[in-house]
N, C-alpha and C. Protein backbone atom coordinates (compact mmCIF):
# COMPACT_ATOMS: atom_id res chain seq x y z
N MET A 1 142.11 -52.60 -130.16
CA MET A 1 142.97 -53.42 -130.91
C MET A 1 143.94 -52.77 -131.87
N ARG A 2 145.06 -53.29 -132.01
CA ARG A 2 146.02 -52.64 -132.85
C ARG A 2 146.02 -53.42 -134.20
N ASP A 3 146.34 -52.73 -135.27
CA ASP A 3 146.55 -53.45 -136.54
C ASP A 3 147.79 -54.08 -136.58
N GLY A 4 147.96 -55.18 -137.12
CA GLY A 4 149.28 -55.95 -137.13
C GLY A 4 149.27 -56.93 -138.24
N PRO A 5 150.20 -57.81 -138.37
CA PRO A 5 150.28 -58.80 -139.43
C PRO A 5 149.12 -59.79 -139.19
N ARG A 6 148.49 -60.31 -140.14
CA ARG A 6 147.51 -61.40 -140.09
C ARG A 6 148.16 -62.70 -139.68
N ILE A 7 147.49 -63.31 -138.84
CA ILE A 7 147.98 -64.63 -138.45
C ILE A 7 147.24 -65.66 -139.20
N PRO A 8 147.88 -66.57 -140.10
CA PRO A 8 147.31 -67.67 -140.62
C PRO A 8 146.34 -68.44 -139.79
N ALA A 9 145.23 -68.83 -140.20
CA ALA A 9 144.28 -69.67 -139.34
C ALA A 9 143.76 -70.68 -140.12
N ALA A 10 143.40 -71.92 -139.70
CA ALA A 10 142.85 -72.97 -140.52
C ALA A 10 142.01 -73.80 -139.55
N PHE A 11 140.86 -74.32 -139.84
CA PHE A 11 140.11 -75.33 -139.14
C PHE A 11 140.36 -76.63 -139.80
N LEU A 12 140.88 -77.56 -139.06
CA LEU A 12 141.19 -78.82 -139.64
C LEU A 12 140.71 -79.98 -138.82
N GLY A 13 139.77 -80.81 -139.46
CA GLY A 13 139.35 -82.06 -138.77
C GLY A 13 140.41 -83.07 -138.89
N HIS A 14 140.64 -83.95 -138.00
CA HIS A 14 141.66 -84.87 -137.92
C HIS A 14 141.40 -86.09 -138.76
N GLY A 15 140.11 -86.46 -138.84
CA GLY A 15 139.85 -87.70 -139.78
C GLY A 15 140.32 -88.91 -138.91
N SER A 16 140.60 -89.94 -139.65
CA SER A 16 141.18 -91.25 -139.08
C SER A 16 142.51 -91.23 -138.53
N PRO A 17 142.91 -91.71 -137.42
CA PRO A 17 144.38 -91.63 -137.14
C PRO A 17 145.28 -92.33 -138.00
N MET A 18 144.71 -93.18 -138.88
CA MET A 18 145.47 -94.03 -139.83
C MET A 18 146.04 -93.05 -140.81
N ASN A 19 145.42 -91.80 -140.95
CA ASN A 19 146.06 -90.94 -142.00
C ASN A 19 147.57 -90.51 -141.71
N ALA A 20 147.89 -90.69 -140.49
CA ALA A 20 149.38 -90.43 -140.24
C ALA A 20 150.22 -91.40 -140.88
N LEU A 21 149.76 -92.59 -141.14
CA LEU A 21 150.63 -93.79 -141.71
C LEU A 21 150.32 -93.97 -143.24
N GLU A 22 149.31 -93.36 -143.78
CA GLU A 22 148.86 -93.62 -145.13
C GLU A 22 149.70 -92.70 -146.06
N HIS A 23 149.74 -93.13 -147.39
CA HIS A 23 150.24 -92.15 -148.41
C HIS A 23 149.29 -92.36 -149.53
N ASN A 24 148.54 -91.24 -149.81
CA ASN A 24 147.60 -91.15 -150.84
C ASN A 24 147.34 -89.72 -151.28
N ARG A 25 146.34 -89.35 -152.08
CA ARG A 25 146.08 -88.12 -152.49
C ARG A 25 145.70 -87.15 -151.28
N TYR A 26 145.06 -87.71 -150.33
CA TYR A 26 144.61 -86.95 -149.18
C TYR A 26 145.86 -86.63 -148.27
N THR A 27 146.70 -87.48 -147.97
CA THR A 27 147.85 -87.26 -147.22
C THR A 27 148.77 -86.36 -148.00
N ASP A 28 148.81 -86.44 -149.31
CA ASP A 28 149.73 -85.59 -150.10
C ASP A 28 149.30 -84.19 -150.06
N ALA A 29 147.94 -84.01 -149.99
CA ALA A 29 147.38 -82.60 -149.73
C ALA A 29 147.73 -82.02 -148.34
N TRP A 30 147.69 -82.90 -147.34
CA TRP A 30 148.18 -82.48 -146.05
C TRP A 30 149.55 -81.99 -146.02
N ARG A 31 150.44 -82.74 -146.70
CA ARG A 31 151.95 -82.40 -146.66
C ARG A 31 152.11 -81.03 -147.49
N LEU A 32 151.37 -81.01 -148.68
CA LEU A 32 151.59 -79.68 -149.42
C LEU A 32 150.98 -78.55 -148.57
N PHE A 33 149.93 -78.67 -147.78
CA PHE A 33 149.42 -77.50 -147.00
C PHE A 33 150.60 -77.24 -145.92
N GLY A 34 151.16 -78.09 -145.33
CA GLY A 34 152.19 -77.96 -144.36
C GLY A 34 153.36 -77.20 -144.88
N ASP A 35 153.58 -77.78 -146.09
CA ASP A 35 154.81 -77.14 -146.64
C ASP A 35 154.69 -75.67 -147.14
N THR A 36 153.48 -75.18 -147.27
CA THR A 36 153.08 -73.82 -147.94
C THR A 36 152.81 -72.76 -146.74
N ILE A 37 152.66 -73.23 -145.57
CA ILE A 37 152.25 -72.22 -144.61
C ILE A 37 153.48 -71.94 -143.65
N PRO A 38 153.58 -70.80 -142.99
CA PRO A 38 154.60 -70.64 -142.15
C PRO A 38 154.64 -71.51 -140.96
N ARG A 39 155.74 -71.77 -140.28
CA ARG A 39 155.76 -72.73 -139.11
C ARG A 39 155.12 -71.91 -137.94
N PRO A 40 154.03 -72.53 -137.29
CA PRO A 40 153.34 -71.78 -136.32
C PRO A 40 154.26 -71.75 -135.03
N ARG A 41 153.95 -70.60 -134.16
CA ARG A 41 154.53 -70.41 -132.96
C ARG A 41 153.71 -71.11 -131.93
N ALA A 42 152.55 -71.29 -132.28
CA ALA A 42 151.41 -71.79 -131.28
C ALA A 42 150.31 -72.56 -131.99
N ILE A 43 149.83 -73.41 -131.42
CA ILE A 43 148.65 -74.33 -132.09
C ILE A 43 147.61 -74.32 -131.01
N LEU A 44 146.32 -73.94 -131.42
CA LEU A 44 145.14 -74.17 -130.47
C LEU A 44 144.42 -75.43 -131.09
N ALA A 45 144.28 -76.24 -130.12
CA ALA A 45 143.53 -77.60 -130.48
C ALA A 45 142.32 -77.60 -129.61
N VAL A 46 141.02 -77.79 -130.30
CA VAL A 46 139.72 -77.82 -129.68
C VAL A 46 139.33 -79.28 -129.99
N SER A 47 138.74 -79.97 -128.92
CA SER A 47 138.35 -81.16 -129.08
C SER A 47 136.96 -81.52 -128.50
N ALA A 48 136.17 -82.15 -129.31
CA ALA A 48 134.79 -82.53 -128.66
C ALA A 48 134.87 -83.95 -127.95
N HIS A 49 136.02 -84.55 -127.89
CA HIS A 49 136.14 -85.89 -127.42
C HIS A 49 136.55 -85.81 -125.93
N TRP A 50 136.72 -84.64 -125.36
CA TRP A 50 137.12 -84.51 -124.00
C TRP A 50 136.04 -83.98 -123.05
N TYR A 51 135.32 -84.80 -122.34
CA TYR A 51 134.19 -84.34 -121.47
C TYR A 51 134.45 -84.17 -120.12
N ILE A 52 134.31 -82.91 -119.60
CA ILE A 52 134.45 -82.67 -118.14
C ILE A 52 133.31 -81.78 -117.81
N ASN A 53 132.87 -81.67 -116.58
CA ASN A 53 131.71 -80.72 -116.19
C ASN A 53 132.17 -79.29 -115.88
N ALA A 54 133.08 -78.72 -116.80
CA ALA A 54 133.65 -77.45 -116.53
C ALA A 54 134.28 -77.00 -117.73
N THR A 55 134.75 -75.61 -117.75
CA THR A 55 135.41 -75.13 -118.71
C THR A 55 137.01 -75.24 -118.48
N ALA A 56 137.96 -75.87 -119.21
CA ALA A 56 139.23 -76.00 -118.93
C ALA A 56 140.20 -75.62 -120.06
N VAL A 57 141.27 -75.31 -119.77
CA VAL A 57 142.35 -74.94 -120.66
C VAL A 57 143.68 -75.64 -120.20
N THR A 58 144.24 -76.30 -121.26
CA THR A 58 145.65 -77.03 -121.05
C THR A 58 146.69 -76.07 -121.59
N ALA A 59 147.58 -75.73 -120.99
CA ALA A 59 148.67 -74.88 -121.45
C ALA A 59 150.14 -75.38 -121.12
N GLN A 60 150.64 -76.26 -121.91
CA GLN A 60 151.94 -76.89 -121.61
C GLN A 60 152.94 -76.75 -122.80
N ALA A 61 154.16 -76.72 -122.55
CA ALA A 61 155.22 -76.75 -123.74
C ALA A 61 154.99 -78.07 -124.46
N THR A 62 154.94 -79.15 -123.75
CA THR A 62 154.83 -80.59 -124.44
C THR A 62 153.62 -81.33 -123.70
N PRO A 63 152.45 -81.05 -124.22
CA PRO A 63 151.26 -81.75 -123.52
C PRO A 63 151.32 -83.17 -123.92
N PRO A 64 150.74 -84.05 -123.03
CA PRO A 64 150.74 -85.64 -123.30
C PRO A 64 149.79 -85.73 -124.47
N THR A 65 150.06 -86.90 -125.09
CA THR A 65 149.15 -87.42 -126.15
C THR A 65 147.92 -88.07 -125.59
N ILE A 66 146.75 -87.69 -126.09
CA ILE A 66 145.58 -88.47 -125.57
C ILE A 66 145.17 -89.29 -126.80
N HIS A 67 145.01 -90.54 -126.40
CA HIS A 67 144.51 -91.53 -127.31
C HIS A 67 142.99 -91.76 -127.31
N ASP A 68 142.33 -91.56 -128.36
CA ASP A 68 140.91 -91.61 -128.29
C ASP A 68 140.37 -92.47 -129.63
N PHE A 69 140.63 -93.67 -129.47
CA PHE A 69 140.30 -94.58 -130.57
C PHE A 69 139.12 -95.30 -130.44
N TYR A 70 138.16 -95.02 -129.60
CA TYR A 70 137.10 -95.94 -129.24
C TYR A 70 135.83 -95.34 -129.74
N GLY A 71 135.68 -94.99 -130.98
CA GLY A 71 134.34 -94.45 -131.55
C GLY A 71 133.88 -93.43 -131.06
């Protein structure tokens, strides 16, 4: 492995989908976080809500939105 610039990494739990519409201290903290990190060139999303009997990787420039609002 070569030494190179460190890539910022963060583990973020999404919480309630309503957080996208709310304005409070929690959402203000998210906005501040987004304003203080470099714009990512890629995002890795890992979900425990997608169940299949295999290992799978989705790699698309514009993946579809998966709505999972059922508990």
